[in-house]
């Protein structure tokens, strides 16, 4: 599989390139840290409330999907027709 790069802007305003894997891993970790911050802000566990549990599950699902993006990429013509 090709090595995909993601163009990002760092805190100094400089352009950087990182691997798709690295970028997705960083996004997934940010998503997970959001759960921790949310629990601290609310001063309760997200599993204690059904609505908060649903929010937690959505965030965790997004984190999991983001971390799998690199493995889910297909190029036009590469098994694309069979996926539909």
N, C-alpha and C. Protein backbone atom coordinates (compact mmCIF):
# COMPACT_ATOMS: atom_id res chain seq x y z
N UNK A 1 0.85 -1.18 0.00
CA UNK A 1 0.00 0.00 0.00
C UNK A 1 0.89 1.24 0.00
N UNK A 2 0.45 2.27 -0.67
CA UNK A 2 1.18 3.53 -0.73
C UNK A 2 1.23 4.18 0.64
N UNK A 3 2.29 4.95 0.84
CA UNK A 3 2.43 5.70 2.08
C UNK A 3 1.74 7.05 1.88
N UNK A 4 0.63 7.26 2.54
CA UNK A 4 -0.10 8.51 2.43
C UNK A 4 0.41 9.50 3.47
N UNK A 5 0.48 10.77 3.07
CA UNK A 5 0.92 11.84 3.97
C UNK A 5 -0.23 12.83 4.14
N UNK A 6 -0.25 13.46 5.30
CA UNK A 6 -1.26 14.47 5.62
C UNK A 6 -0.53 15.79 5.87
N UNK A 7 -1.00 16.83 5.21
CA UNK A 7 -0.41 18.16 5.38
C UNK A 7 -1.07 18.84 6.57
N UNK A 8 -0.26 19.28 7.54
CA UNK A 8 -0.78 19.94 8.73
C UNK A 8 -0.02 21.24 8.96
N UNK A 9 -0.59 22.10 9.77
CA UNK A 9 0.06 23.35 10.17
C UNK A 9 0.36 23.24 11.66
N UNK A 10 1.63 23.40 12.03
CA UNK A 10 1.98 23.28 13.45
C UNK A 10 1.68 24.59 14.19
N UNK A 11 1.96 24.60 15.48
CA UNK A 11 1.62 25.77 16.31
C UNK A 11 2.40 27.02 15.93
N UNK A 12 3.52 26.86 15.22
CA UNK A 12 4.30 28.01 14.75
C UNK A 12 3.84 28.51 13.39
N UNK A 13 2.83 27.85 12.82
CA UNK A 13 2.31 28.23 11.51
C UNK A 13 3.06 27.60 10.36
N UNK A 14 3.98 26.69 10.65
CA UNK A 14 4.75 26.02 9.60
C UNK A 14 4.02 24.79 9.09
N UNK A 15 4.17 24.54 7.80
CA UNK A 15 3.57 23.35 7.19
C UNK A 15 4.43 22.14 7.52
N UNK A 16 3.77 21.07 7.92
CA UNK A 16 4.44 19.81 8.19
C UNK A 16 3.68 18.70 7.49
N UNK A 17 4.35 17.61 7.24
CA UNK A 17 3.73 16.43 6.67
C UNK A 17 3.96 15.26 7.62
N UNK A 18 2.91 14.52 7.88
CA UNK A 18 3.04 13.33 8.72
C UNK A 18 2.31 12.19 8.05
N UNK A 19 2.66 10.99 8.44
CA UNK A 19 2.01 9.83 7.83
C UNK A 19 0.53 9.81 8.20
N UNK A 20 -0.24 9.21 7.35
CA UNK A 20 -1.67 9.08 7.64
C UNK A 20 -1.89 8.31 8.93
N UNK A 21 -1.08 7.28 9.15
CA UNK A 21 -1.20 6.50 10.39
C UNK A 21 -0.97 7.38 11.62
N UNK A 22 0.10 8.18 11.59
CA UNK A 22 0.43 9.06 12.70
C UNK A 22 -0.67 10.09 12.93
N UNK A 23 -1.18 10.66 11.86
CA UNK A 23 -2.23 11.67 11.96
C UNK A 23 -3.51 11.07 12.56
N UNK A 24 -3.91 9.92 12.08
CA UNK A 24 -5.12 9.26 12.58
C UNK A 24 -4.95 8.85 14.04
N UNK A 25 -3.77 8.37 14.39
CA UNK A 25 -3.51 7.99 15.78
C UNK A 25 -3.63 9.21 16.70
N UNK A 26 -3.10 10.33 16.24
CA UNK A 26 -3.16 11.55 17.04
C UNK A 26 -4.61 12.02 17.21
N UNK A 27 -5.39 11.96 16.15
CA UNK A 27 -6.81 12.33 16.24
C UNK A 27 -7.56 11.41 17.20
N UNK A 28 -7.28 10.14 17.12
CA UNK A 28 -7.94 9.17 17.99
C UNK A 28 -7.60 9.45 19.46
N UNK A 29 -6.34 9.75 19.73
CA UNK A 29 -5.93 10.07 21.10
C UNK A 29 -6.60 11.34 21.60
N UNK A 30 -6.74 12.34 20.72
CA UNK A 30 -7.43 13.57 21.11
C UNK A 30 -8.88 13.28 21.47
N UNK A 31 -9.50 12.43 20.69
CA UNK A 31 -10.88 12.05 20.95
C UNK A 31 -11.01 11.38 22.31
N UNK A 32 -10.07 10.49 22.62
CA UNK A 32 -10.10 9.79 23.91
C UNK A 32 -9.83 10.74 25.06
N UNK A 33 -8.95 11.71 24.85
CA UNK A 33 -8.68 12.67 25.93
C UNK A 33 -9.91 13.57 26.17
N UNK A 34 -10.71 13.74 25.13
CA UNK A 34 -11.96 14.49 25.28
C UNK A 34 -12.87 13.81 26.30
N UNK A 35 -12.93 12.49 26.28
CA UNK A 35 -13.75 11.76 27.25
C UNK A 35 -13.28 12.03 28.67
N UNK A 36 -11.98 11.99 28.87
CA UNK A 36 -11.41 12.25 30.19
C UNK A 36 -11.75 13.67 30.64
N UNK A 37 -11.59 14.64 29.77
CA UNK A 37 -11.88 16.03 30.12
C UNK A 37 -13.37 16.24 30.40
N UNK A 38 -14.21 15.57 29.64
CA UNK A 38 -15.65 15.69 29.85
C UNK A 38 -16.05 15.13 31.21
N UNK A 39 -15.50 13.98 31.57
CA UNK A 39 -15.79 13.41 32.89
C UNK A 39 -15.31 14.33 34.01
N UNK A 40 -14.14 14.91 33.86
CA UNK A 40 -13.64 15.84 34.87
C UNK A 40 -14.51 17.09 34.96
N UNK A 41 -14.94 17.60 33.82
CA UNK A 41 -15.78 18.79 33.81
C UNK A 41 -17.12 18.53 34.48
N UNK A 42 -17.70 17.37 34.20
CA UNK A 42 -19.01 17.02 34.76
C UNK A 42 -18.91 16.46 36.17
N UNK A 43 -17.72 16.13 36.59
CA UNK A 43 -17.46 15.51 37.90
C UNK A 43 -18.27 14.22 38.09
N UNK A 44 -18.39 13.48 37.01
CA UNK A 44 -19.04 12.17 37.09
C UNK A 44 -18.62 11.32 35.90
N UNK A 45 -18.77 10.03 36.07
CA UNK A 45 -18.43 9.09 35.01
C UNK A 45 -19.51 9.11 33.94
N UNK A 46 -19.10 9.02 32.69
CA UNK A 46 -20.06 9.02 31.59
C UNK A 46 -20.95 7.79 31.60
N UNK A 47 -20.47 6.71 32.21
CA UNK A 47 -21.26 5.48 32.28
C UNK A 47 -22.39 5.55 33.31
N UNK A 48 -22.41 6.62 34.11
CA UNK A 48 -23.44 6.75 35.15
C UNK A 48 -24.77 7.27 34.63
N UNK A 49 -24.78 7.78 33.42
CA UNK A 49 -25.99 8.39 32.86
C UNK A 49 -26.20 7.82 31.45
N UNK A 50 -27.40 7.32 31.14
CA UNK A 50 -27.64 6.71 29.83
C UNK A 50 -27.34 7.64 28.65
N UNK A 51 -27.71 8.90 28.75
CA UNK A 51 -27.44 9.83 27.65
C UNK A 51 -25.94 10.07 27.50
N UNK A 52 -25.23 10.19 28.62
CA UNK A 52 -23.78 10.38 28.56
C UNK A 52 -23.08 9.12 28.07
N UNK A 53 -23.65 7.98 28.39
CA UNK A 53 -23.10 6.72 27.89
C UNK A 53 -23.19 6.67 26.38
N UNK A 54 -24.30 7.15 25.84
CA UNK A 54 -24.46 7.18 24.38
C UNK A 54 -23.43 8.11 23.74
N UNK A 55 -23.20 9.27 24.34
CA UNK A 55 -22.19 10.20 23.84
C UNK A 55 -20.81 9.54 23.90
N UNK A 56 -20.52 8.88 25.00
CA UNK A 56 -19.24 8.18 25.16
C UNK A 56 -19.05 7.12 24.08
N UNK A 57 -20.10 6.35 23.82
CA UNK A 57 -20.02 5.31 22.80
C UNK A 57 -19.78 5.89 21.41
N UNK A 58 -20.42 7.00 21.11
CA UNK A 58 -20.22 7.66 19.82
C UNK A 58 -18.77 8.11 19.68
N UNK A 59 -18.24 8.75 20.72
CA UNK A 59 -16.86 9.24 20.68
C UNK A 59 -15.89 8.07 20.52
N UNK A 60 -16.11 6.98 21.25
CA UNK A 60 -15.23 5.82 21.13
C UNK A 60 -15.33 5.17 19.75
N UNK A 61 -16.52 5.14 19.18
CA UNK A 61 -16.69 4.59 17.83
C UNK A 61 -15.95 5.43 16.81
N UNK A 62 -16.05 6.76 16.93
CA UNK A 62 -15.33 7.64 16.02
C UNK A 62 -13.82 7.43 16.17
N UNK A 63 -13.34 7.32 17.40
CA UNK A 63 -11.92 7.07 17.63
C UNK A 63 -11.47 5.78 16.95
N UNK A 64 -12.24 4.74 17.10
CA UNK A 64 -11.90 3.46 16.49
C UNK A 64 -11.91 3.57 14.97
N UNK A 65 -12.91 4.23 14.41
CA UNK A 65 -13.00 4.38 12.96
C UNK A 65 -11.85 5.22 12.41
N UNK A 66 -11.50 6.28 13.10
CA UNK A 66 -10.39 7.13 12.67
C UNK A 66 -9.09 6.34 12.66
N UNK A 67 -8.88 5.53 13.68
CA UNK A 67 -7.62 4.77 13.74
C UNK A 67 -7.54 3.68 12.66
N UNK A 68 -8.68 3.32 12.05
CA UNK A 68 -8.70 2.29 11.01
C UNK A 68 -8.69 2.85 9.60
N UNK A 69 -8.72 4.17 9.43
CA UNK A 69 -8.85 4.77 8.11
C UNK A 69 -7.78 4.27 7.14
N UNK A 70 -6.54 4.23 7.57
CA UNK A 70 -5.46 3.82 6.67
C UNK A 70 -5.72 2.43 6.10
N UNK A 71 -6.27 1.54 6.90
CA UNK A 71 -6.53 0.17 6.42
C UNK A 71 -7.76 0.08 5.55
N UNK A 72 -8.60 1.09 5.54
CA UNK A 72 -9.84 1.06 4.78
C UNK A 72 -9.74 1.76 3.43
N UNK A 73 -8.61 2.42 3.15
CA UNK A 73 -8.45 3.14 1.89
C UNK A 73 -8.35 2.18 0.71
N UNK A 74 -9.02 2.51 -0.37
CA UNK A 74 -8.90 1.77 -1.62
C UNK A 74 -8.70 2.77 -2.75
N UNK A 75 -7.95 2.36 -3.74
CA UNK A 75 -7.77 3.19 -4.93
C UNK A 75 -8.84 2.81 -5.92
N UNK A 76 -9.23 3.75 -6.79
CA UNK A 76 -10.19 3.42 -7.83
C UNK A 76 -9.69 2.22 -8.61
N UNK A 77 -10.54 1.24 -8.78
CA UNK A 77 -10.18 0.04 -9.52
C UNK A 77 -9.69 -1.09 -8.63
N UNK A 78 -9.23 -0.81 -7.43
CA UNK A 78 -8.75 -1.85 -6.52
C UNK A 78 -9.90 -2.39 -5.69
N UNK A 79 -10.53 -3.41 -6.18
CA UNK A 79 -11.64 -4.06 -5.47
C UNK A 79 -12.81 -3.12 -5.23
N UNK A 80 -12.77 -1.91 -5.77
CA UNK A 80 -13.83 -0.93 -5.53
C UNK A 80 -15.17 -1.43 -6.04
N UNK A 81 -15.16 -2.02 -7.23
CA UNK A 81 -16.41 -2.48 -7.83
C UNK A 81 -17.06 -3.58 -6.99
N UNK A 82 -16.26 -4.40 -6.35
CA UNK A 82 -16.80 -5.50 -5.54
C UNK A 82 -17.39 -5.03 -4.23
N UNK A 83 -17.01 -3.81 -3.77
CA UNK A 83 -17.52 -3.31 -2.51
C UNK A 83 -18.95 -2.82 -2.61
N UNK A 84 -19.40 -2.53 -3.81
CA UNK A 84 -20.75 -1.97 -3.98
C UNK A 84 -21.78 -3.03 -4.22
